[in-house]
All heavy atoms as atom14 arrays in JSON, in Angstrom:
{
  "sequence": "LVATITRDGSTTYADSIKDRFIISRGGPRSTVYLQMWS",
  "atom14_mask": [
    [1, 1, 1, 1, 1, 1, 1, 1, 0, 0, 0, 0, 0, 0],
    [1, 1, 1, 1, 1, 1, 1, 0, 0, 0, 0, 0, 0, 0],
    [1, 1, 1, 1, 1, 0, 0, 0, 0, 0, 0, 0, 0, 0],
    [1, 1, 1, 1, 1, 1, 1, 0, 0, 0, 0, 0, 0, 0],
    [1, 1, 1, 1, 1, 1, 1, 1, 0, 0, 0, 0, 0, 0],
    [1, 1, 1, 1, 1, 1, 1, 0, 0, 0, 0, 0, 0, 0],
    [1, 1, 1, 1, 1, 1, 1, 1, 1, 1, 1, 0, 0, 0],
    [1, 1, 1, 1, 1, 1, 1, 1, 0, 0, 0, 0, 0, 0],
    [1, 1, 1, 1, 0, 0, 0, 0, 0, 0, 0, 0, 0, 0],
    [1, 1, 1, 1, 1, 1, 0, 0, 0, 0, 0, 0, 0, 0],
    [1, 1, 1, 1, 1, 1, 1, 0, 0, 0, 0, 0, 0, 0],
    [1, 1, 1, 1, 1, 1, 1, 0, 0, 0, 0, 0, 0, 0],
    [1, 1, 1, 1, 1, 1, 1, 1, 1, 1, 1, 1, 0, 0],
    [1, 1, 1, 1, 1, 0, 0, 0, 0, 0, 0, 0, 0, 0],
    [1, 1, 1, 1, 1, 1, 1, 1, 0, 0, 0, 0, 0, 0],
    [1, 1, 1, 1, 1, 1, 0, 0, 0, 0, 0, 0, 0, 0],
    [1, 1, 1, 1, 1, 1, 1, 1, 0, 0, 0, 0, 0, 0],
    [1, 1, 1, 1, 1, 1, 1, 1, 1, 0, 0, 0, 0, 0],
    [1, 1, 1, 1, 1, 1, 1, 1, 0, 0, 0, 0, 0, 0],
    [1, 1, 1, 1, 1, 1, 1, 1, 1, 1, 1, 0, 0, 0],
    [1, 1, 1, 1, 1, 1, 1, 1, 1, 1, 1, 0, 0, 0],
    [1, 1, 1, 1, 1, 1, 1, 1, 0, 0, 0, 0, 0, 0],
    [1, 1, 1, 1, 1, 1, 1, 1, 0, 0, 0, 0, 0, 0],
    [1, 1, 1, 1, 1, 1, 0, 0, 0, 0, 0, 0, 0, 0],
    [1, 1, 1, 1, 1, 1, 1, 1, 1, 1, 1, 0, 0, 0],
    [1, 1, 1, 1, 0, 0, 0, 0, 0, 0, 0, 0, 0, 0],
    [1, 1, 1, 1, 0, 0, 0, 0, 0, 0, 0, 0, 0, 0],
    [1, 1, 1, 1, 1, 1, 1, 0, 0, 0, 0, 0, 0, 0],
    [1, 1, 1, 1, 1, 1, 1, 1, 1, 1, 1, 0, 0, 0],
    [1, 1, 1, 1, 1, 1, 0, 0, 0, 0, 0, 0, 0, 0],
    [1, 1, 1, 1, 1, 1, 1, 0, 0, 0, 0, 0, 0, 0],
    [1, 1, 1, 1, 1, 1, 1, 0, 0, 0, 0, 0, 0, 0],
    [1, 1, 1, 1, 1, 1, 1, 1, 1, 1, 1, 1, 0, 0],
    [1, 1, 1, 1, 1, 1, 1, 1, 0, 0, 0, 0, 0, 0],
    [1, 1, 1, 1, 1, 1, 1, 1, 1, 0, 0, 0, 0, 0],
    [1, 1, 1, 1, 1, 1, 1, 1, 0, 0, 0, 0, 0, 0],
    [1, 1, 1, 1, 1, 1, 1, 1, 1, 1, 1, 1, 1, 1],
    [1, 1, 1, 1, 1, 1, 0, 0, 0, 0, 0, 0, 0, 0]
  ],
  "atom14_positions": [
    [[102.8, 84.72, 79.85], [103.49, 84.29, 81.06], [102.8, 84.85, 82.3], [102.42, 86.03, 82.33], [104.93, 84.79, 81.04], [105.72, 84.69, 82.34], [106.1, 83.25, 82.6], [106.96, 85.57, 82.3], [0.0, 0.0, 0.0], [0.0, 0.0, 0.0], [0.0, 0.0, 0.0], [0.0, 0.0, 0.0], [0.0, 0.0, 0.0], [0.0, 0.0, 0.0]],
    [[102.66, 84.01, 83.31], [102.2, 84.47, 84.62], [103.39, 84.47, 85.59], [103.74, 85.49, 86.16], [101.08, 83.57, 85.18], [100.69, 84.02, 86.58], [99.87, 83.59, 84.25], [0.0, 0.0, 0.0], [0.0, 0.0, 0.0], [0.0, 0.0, 0.0], [0.0, 0.0, 0.0], [0.0, 0.0, 0.0], [0.0, 0.0, 0.0], [0.0, 0.0, 0.0]],
    [[104.01, 83.31, 85.74], [105.15, 83.2, 86.65], [105.91, 81.92, 86.34], [105.32, 80.93, 85.9], [104.7, 83.19, 88.11], [0.0, 0.0, 0.0], [0.0, 0.0, 0.0], [0.0, 0.0, 0.0], [0.0, 0.0, 0.0], [0.0, 0.0, 0.0], [0.0, 0.0, 0.0], [0.0, 0.0, 0.0], [0.0, 0.0, 0.0], [0.0, 0.0, 0.0]],
    [[107.22, 81.96, 86.57], [108.04, 80.76, 86.43], [108.97, 80.64, 87.62], [109.24, 81.63, 88.31], [108.88, 80.79, 85.15], [109.78, 81.9, 85.21], [108.03, 80.89, 83.9], [0.0, 0.0, 0.0], [0.0, 0.0, 0.0], [0.0, 0.0, 0.0], [0.0, 0.0, 0.0], [0.0, 0.0, 0.0], [0.0, 0.0, 0.0], [0.0, 0.0, 0.0]],
    [[109.45, 79.44, 87.85], [110.38, 79.17, 88.95], [111.35, 78.1, 88.51], [110.96, 77.11, 87.9], [109.62, 78.76, 90.24], [110.59, 78.59, 91.4], [108.75, 77.53, 90.02], [109.89, 78.48, 92.76], [0.0, 0.0, 0.0], [0.0, 0.0, 0.0], [0.0, 0.0, 0.0], [0.0, 0.0, 0.0], [0.0, 0.0, 0.0], [0.0, 0.0, 0.0]],
    [[112.63, 78.33, 88.78], [113.64, 77.35, 88.41], [113.77, 76.3, 89.52], [113.2, 76.43, 90.61], [115.0, 78.01, 88.21], [115.45, 78.52, 89.49], [114.91, 79.17, 87.22], [0.0, 0.0, 0.0], [0.0, 0.0, 0.0], [0.0, 0.0, 0.0], [0.0, 0.0, 0.0], [0.0, 0.0, 0.0], [0.0, 0.0, 0.0], [0.0, 0.0, 0.0]],
    [[114.56, 75.29, 89.22], [114.77, 74.23, 90.21], [115.45, 74.79, 91.46], [115.28, 74.28, 92.56], [115.61, 73.12, 89.59], [115.61, 71.82, 90.37], [116.0, 70.66, 89.47], [117.13, 70.94, 88.62], [117.43, 70.23, 87.53], [116.66, 69.23, 87.15], [118.48, 70.53, 86.8], [0.0, 0.0, 0.0], [0.0, 0.0, 0.0], [0.0, 0.0, 0.0]],
    [[116.23, 75.88, 91.27], [116.93, 76.5, 92.39], [116.1, 77.54, 93.12], [116.56, 78.13, 94.09], [118.22, 77.15, 91.9], [119.19, 76.15, 91.34], [119.15, 74.99, 91.78], [119.98, 76.5, 90.44], [0.0, 0.0, 0.0], [0.0, 0.0, 0.0], [0.0, 0.0, 0.0], [0.0, 0.0, 0.0], [0.0, 0.0, 0.0], [0.0, 0.0, 0.0]],
    [[114.89, 77.79, 92.62], [113.99, 78.7, 93.32], [113.95, 80.11, 92.8], [113.24, 80.95, 93.37], [0.0, 0.0, 0.0], [0.0, 0.0, 0.0], [0.0, 0.0, 0.0], [0.0, 0.0, 0.0], [0.0, 0.0, 0.0], [0.0, 0.0, 0.0], [0.0, 0.0, 0.0], [0.0, 0.0, 0.0], [0.0, 0.0, 0.0], [0.0, 0.0, 0.0]],
    [[114.66, 80.41, 91.73], [114.58, 81.75, 91.14], [113.24, 81.92, 90.44], [112.79, 81.03, 89.73], [115.72, 81.95, 90.14], [116.97, 81.89, 90.78], [0.0, 0.0, 0.0], [0.0, 0.0, 0.0], [0.0, 0.0, 0.0], [0.0, 0.0, 0.0], [0.0, 0.0, 0.0], [0.0, 0.0, 0.0], [0.0, 0.0, 0.0], [0.0, 0.0, 0.0]],
    [[112.63, 83.08, 90.66], [111.28, 83.31, 90.14], [111.23, 84.48, 89.18], [112.04, 85.41, 89.25], [110.29, 83.56, 91.29], [110.74, 84.69, 92.05], [110.18, 82.35, 92.2], [0.0, 0.0, 0.0], [0.0, 0.0, 0.0], [0.0, 0.0, 0.0], [0.0, 0.0, 0.0], [0.0, 0.0, 0.0], [0.0, 0.0, 0.0], [0.0, 0.0, 0.0]],
    [[110.24, 84.42, 88.29], [109.92, 85.51, 87.37], [108.41, 85.7, 87.4], [107.67, 84.71, 87.39], [110.35, 85.17, 85.95], [111.76, 84.92, 85.92], [110.04, 86.32, 84.99], [0.0, 0.0, 0.0], [0.0, 0.0, 0.0], [0.0, 0.0, 0.0], [0.0, 0.0, 0.0], [0.0, 0.0, 0.0], [0.0, 0.0, 0.0], [0.0, 0.0, 0.0]],
    [[107.97, 86.95, 87.43], [106.54, 87.25, 87.48], [106.17, 88.27, 86.4], [106.94, 89.18, 86.1], [106.15, 87.84, 88.84], [106.23, 86.89, 90.0], [107.35, 86.84, 90.81], [105.17, 86.03, 90.28], [107.43, 85.97, 91.89], [105.23, 85.15, 91.36], [106.36, 85.13, 92.15], [106.43, 84.26, 93.21], [0.0, 0.0, 0.0], [0.0, 0.0, 0.0]],
    [[104.97, 88.12, 85.87], [104.42, 89.15, 85.01], [104.09, 90.38, 85.86], [103.68, 90.25, 87.02], [103.16, 88.65, 84.33], [0.0, 0.0, 0.0], [0.0, 0.0, 0.0], [0.0, 0.0, 0.0], [0.0, 0.0, 0.0], [0.0, 0.0, 0.0], [0.0, 0.0, 0.0], [0.0, 0.0, 0.0], [0.0, 0.0, 0.0], [0.0, 0.0, 0.0]],
    [[104.27, 91.55, 85.29], [104.0, 92.79, 86.04], [102.56, 92.85, 86.53], [102.29, 93.39, 87.61], [104.31, 94.0, 85.17], [105.8, 94.19, 84.96], [106.6, 93.64, 85.74], [106.17, 94.89, 83.99], [0.0, 0.0, 0.0], [0.0, 0.0, 0.0], [0.0, 0.0, 0.0], [0.0, 0.0, 0.0], [0.0, 0.0, 0.0], [0.0, 0.0, 0.0]],
    [[101.65, 92.31, 85.75], [100.22, 92.44, 86.08], [99.82, 91.67, 87.33], [98.76, 91.93, 87.9], [99.37, 91.96, 84.9], [99.65, 90.6, 84.63], [0.0, 0.0, 0.0], [0.0, 0.0, 0.0], [0.0, 0.0, 0.0], [0.0, 0.0, 0.0], [0.0, 0.0, 0.0], [0.0, 0.0, 0.0], [0.0, 0.0, 0.0], [0.0, 0.0, 0.0]],
    [[100.63, 90.74, 87.77], [100.26, 89.91, 88.93], [101.25, 90.0, 90.08], [101.07, 89.34, 91.1], [100.03, 88.44, 88.52], [101.27, 87.86, 87.83], [98.83, 88.32, 87.59], [102.31, 87.29, 88.77], [0.0, 0.0, 0.0], [0.0, 0.0, 0.0], [0.0, 0.0, 0.0], [0.0, 0.0, 0.0], [0.0, 0.0, 0.0], [0.0, 0.0, 0.0]],
    [[102.28, 90.81, 89.92], [103.25, 90.96, 91.0], [102.54, 91.44, 92.26], [101.65, 92.26, 92.21], [104.34, 91.95, 90.6], [105.44, 91.33, 89.77], [106.51, 92.36, 89.46], [107.63, 91.73, 88.62], [108.66, 92.71, 88.25], [0.0, 0.0, 0.0], [0.0, 0.0, 0.0], [0.0, 0.0, 0.0], [0.0, 0.0, 0.0], [0.0, 0.0, 0.0]],
    [[102.98, 90.94, 93.4], [102.44, 91.3, 94.72], [101.06, 90.71, 94.98], [100.49, 90.93, 96.05], [102.37, 92.82, 94.92], [103.73, 93.49, 94.79], [104.72, 92.88, 95.23], [103.79, 94.6, 94.24], [0.0, 0.0, 0.0], [0.0, 0.0, 0.0], [0.0, 0.0, 0.0], [0.0, 0.0, 0.0], [0.0, 0.0, 0.0], [0.0, 0.0, 0.0]],
    [[100.51, 89.98, 94.01], [99.22, 89.31, 94.23], [99.35, 87.79, 94.12], [98.55, 87.05, 94.71], [98.18, 89.81, 93.23], [97.84, 91.27, 93.35], [96.62, 91.63, 92.51], [96.83, 91.41, 91.09], [96.09, 90.59, 90.33], [95.09, 89.91, 90.87], [96.34, 90.46, 89.04], [0.0, 0.0, 0.0], [0.0, 0.0, 0.0], [0.0, 0.0, 0.0]],
    [[100.3, 87.32, 93.34], [100.49, 85.89, 93.12], [101.88, 85.48, 93.62], [102.83, 86.25, 93.52], [100.41, 85.53, 91.63], [99.07, 85.72, 90.97], [98.01, 86.32, 91.62], [98.89, 85.29, 89.66], [96.78, 86.49, 91.0], [97.67, 85.46, 89.02], [96.62, 86.07, 89.69], [0.0, 0.0, 0.0], [0.0, 0.0, 0.0], [0.0, 0.0, 0.0]],
    [[101.97, 84.27, 94.11], [103.27, 83.71, 94.49], [103.39, 82.32, 93.91], [102.48, 81.49, 94.05], [103.46, 83.66, 96.01], [103.6, 85.07, 96.58], [104.7, 82.84, 96.38], [103.8, 85.12, 98.07], [0.0, 0.0, 0.0], [0.0, 0.0, 0.0], [0.0, 0.0, 0.0], [0.0, 0.0, 0.0], [0.0, 0.0, 0.0], [0.0, 0.0, 0.0]],
    [[104.53, 82.05, 93.27], [104.79, 80.72, 92.71], [105.77, 80.01, 93.62], [106.69, 80.62, 94.18], [105.33, 80.82, 91.27], [105.38, 79.43, 90.62], [106.69, 81.5, 91.22], [105.67, 79.49, 89.11], [0.0, 0.0, 0.0], [0.0, 0.0, 0.0], [0.0, 0.0, 0.0], [0.0, 0.0, 0.0], [0.0, 0.0, 0.0], [0.0, 0.0, 0.0]],
    [[105.59, 78.71, 93.77], [106.5, 77.93, 94.61], [106.56, 76.51, 94.08], [105.69, 76.08, 93.3], [106.05, 77.94, 96.07], [104.75, 77.38, 96.21], [0.0, 0.0, 0.0], [0.0, 0.0, 0.0], [0.0, 0.0, 0.0], [0.0, 0.0, 0.0], [0.0, 0.0, 0.0], [0.0, 0.0, 0.0], [0.0, 0.0, 0.0], [0.0, 0.0, 0.0]],
    [[107.59, 75.81, 94.51], [107.73, 74.39, 94.16], [107.77, 73.6, 95.44], [108.29, 74.04, 96.47], [108.99, 74.16, 93.33], [108.89, 74.73, 91.94], [110.15, 74.57, 91.13], [110.39, 73.21, 90.68], [111.13, 72.9, 89.62], [111.67, 73.87, 88.91], [111.34, 71.64, 89.3], [0.0, 0.0, 0.0], [0.0, 0.0, 0.0], [0.0, 0.0, 0.0]],
    [[107.25, 72.4, 95.38], [107.21, 71.6, 96.58], [107.48, 70.14, 96.31], [107.79, 69.75, 95.19], [0.0, 0.0, 0.0], [0.0, 0.0, 0.0], [0.0, 0.0, 0.0], [0.0, 0.0, 0.0], [0.0, 0.0, 0.0], [0.0, 0.0, 0.0], [0.0, 0.0, 0.0], [0.0, 0.0, 0.0], [0.0, 0.0, 0.0], [0.0, 0.0, 0.0]],
    [[107.33, 69.35, 97.36], [107.56, 67.92, 97.25], [108.98, 67.68, 96.77], [109.92, 68.29, 97.24], [0.0, 0.0, 0.0], [0.0, 0.0, 0.0], [0.0, 0.0, 0.0], [0.0, 0.0, 0.0], [0.0, 0.0, 0.0], [0.0, 0.0, 0.0], [0.0, 0.0, 0.0], [0.0, 0.0, 0.0], [0.0, 0.0, 0.0], [0.0, 0.0, 0.0]],
    [[109.16, 66.78, 95.8], [110.48, 66.53, 95.23], [110.83, 67.54, 94.16], [111.58, 67.25, 93.24], [110.31, 65.13, 94.63], [108.88, 65.08, 94.23], [108.14, 65.89, 95.26], [0.0, 0.0, 0.0], [0.0, 0.0, 0.0], [0.0, 0.0, 0.0], [0.0, 0.0, 0.0], [0.0, 0.0, 0.0], [0.0, 0.0, 0.0], [0.0, 0.0, 0.0]],
    [[110.27, 68.73, 94.26], [110.47, 69.85, 93.31], [109.92, 69.52, 91.93], [110.33, 70.11, 90.95], [111.93, 70.26, 93.26], [112.35, 70.95, 94.55], [113.78, 71.43, 94.48], [114.73, 70.33, 94.52], [116.05, 70.49, 94.56], [116.56, 71.69, 94.54], [116.84, 69.45, 94.6], [0.0, 0.0, 0.0], [0.0, 0.0, 0.0], [0.0, 0.0, 0.0]],
    [[108.98, 68.57, 91.85], [108.28, 68.3, 90.61], [106.84, 68.75, 90.68], [106.04, 68.36, 89.85], [108.37, 66.81, 90.27], [109.7, 66.46, 89.97], [0.0, 0.0, 0.0], [0.0, 0.0, 0.0], [0.0, 0.0, 0.0], [0.0, 0.0, 0.0], [0.0, 0.0, 0.0], [0.0, 0.0, 0.0], [0.0, 0.0, 0.0], [0.0, 0.0, 0.0]],
    [[106.5, 69.49, 91.71], [105.17, 70.07, 91.85], [105.32, 71.57, 91.95], [106.2, 72.07, 92.63], [104.47, 69.54, 93.12], [104.39, 68.11, 93.05], [103.07, 70.11, 93.22], [0.0, 0.0, 0.0], [0.0, 0.0, 0.0], [0.0, 0.0, 0.0], [0.0, 0.0, 0.0], [0.0, 0.0, 0.0], [0.0, 0.0, 0.0], [0.0, 0.0, 0.0]],
    [[104.47, 72.28, 91.22], [104.52, 73.74, 91.25], [103.15, 74.26, 91.67], [102.12, 73.69, 91.31], [104.94, 74.32, 89.88], [103.93, 74.0, 88.78], [105.18, 75.82, 89.97], [0.0, 0.0, 0.0], [0.0, 0.0, 0.0], [0.0, 0.0, 0.0], [0.0, 0.0, 0.0], [0.0, 0.0, 0.0], [0.0, 0.0, 0.0], [0.0, 0.0, 0.0]],
    [[103.17, 75.31, 92.46], [101.95, 75.9, 92.98], [101.88, 77.37, 92.55], [102.91, 78.03, 92.39], [101.92, 75.84, 94.51], [102.08, 74.46, 95.07], [103.32, 74.01, 95.51], [101.0, 73.58, 95.15], [103.49, 72.73, 96.03], [101.15, 72.31, 95.66], [102.39, 71.89, 96.09], [102.55, 70.62, 96.58], [0.0, 0.0, 0.0], [0.0, 0.0, 0.0]],
    [[100.67, 77.85, 92.41], [100.45, 79.27, 92.18], [99.38, 79.72, 93.18], [98.21, 79.36, 93.04], [99.99, 79.55, 90.75], [99.88, 81.02, 90.38], [101.28, 81.66, 90.34], [99.19, 81.2, 89.03], [0.0, 0.0, 0.0], [0.0, 0.0, 0.0], [0.0, 0.0, 0.0], [0.0, 0.0, 0.0], [0.0, 0.0, 0.0], [0.0, 0.0, 0.0]],
    [[99.81, 80.47, 94.17], [98.88, 81.04, 95.14], [98.48, 82.42, 94.66], [99.35, 83.26, 94.43], [99.52, 81.13, 96.52], [98.63, 81.73, 97.58], [97.43, 80.87, 97.9], [97.55, 79.69, 98.21], [96.24, 81.46, 97.8], [0.0, 0.0, 0.0], [0.0, 0.0, 0.0], [0.0, 0.0, 0.0], [0.0, 0.0, 0.0], [0.0, 0.0, 0.0]],
    [[97.18, 82.62, 94.53], [96.67, 83.86, 93.96], [95.78, 84.56, 94.99], [94.88, 83.92, 95.57], [95.87, 83.58, 92.68], [96.66, 82.8, 91.64], [95.75, 82.5, 90.11], [94.56, 81.27, 90.65], [0.0, 0.0, 0.0], [0.0, 0.0, 0.0], [0.0, 0.0, 0.0], [0.0, 0.0, 0.0], [0.0, 0.0, 0.0], [0.0, 0.0, 0.0]],
    [[96.03, 85.84, 95.22], [95.22, 86.66, 96.12], [94.67, 87.86, 95.35], [95.14, 88.19, 94.28], [96.07, 87.18, 97.29], [96.52, 86.18, 98.26], [95.81, 85.61, 99.28], [97.83, 85.6, 98.36], [96.59, 84.73, 99.98], [97.84, 84.72, 99.45], [99.01, 85.77, 97.62], [98.97, 83.99, 99.83], [100.12, 85.04, 97.99], [100.11, 84.17, 99.08]],
    [[93.72, 88.53, 95.97], [93.17, 89.76, 95.39], [92.84, 89.58, 93.92], [93.2, 90.42, 93.07], [94.17, 90.91, 95.58], [94.45, 91.11, 96.95], [0.0, 0.0, 0.0], [0.0, 0.0, 0.0], [0.0, 0.0, 0.0], [0.0, 0.0, 0.0], [0.0, 0.0, 0.0], [0.0, 0.0, 0.0], [0.0, 0.0, 0.0], [0.0, 0.0, 0.0]]
  ]
}
C-alpha cells in the first residue's frame, strides 16, 4: 500500500511516504492523483 482515499476524502498513507506524498481525487471523483515530492 502507498495511499488510499475514499469517496468522502478520507485518506490512508504508508508510513514510508507520509509527508512526502499526497493522494487526492478529482473530476467526478473517478480520477485519483498521487503527488510525490522528495
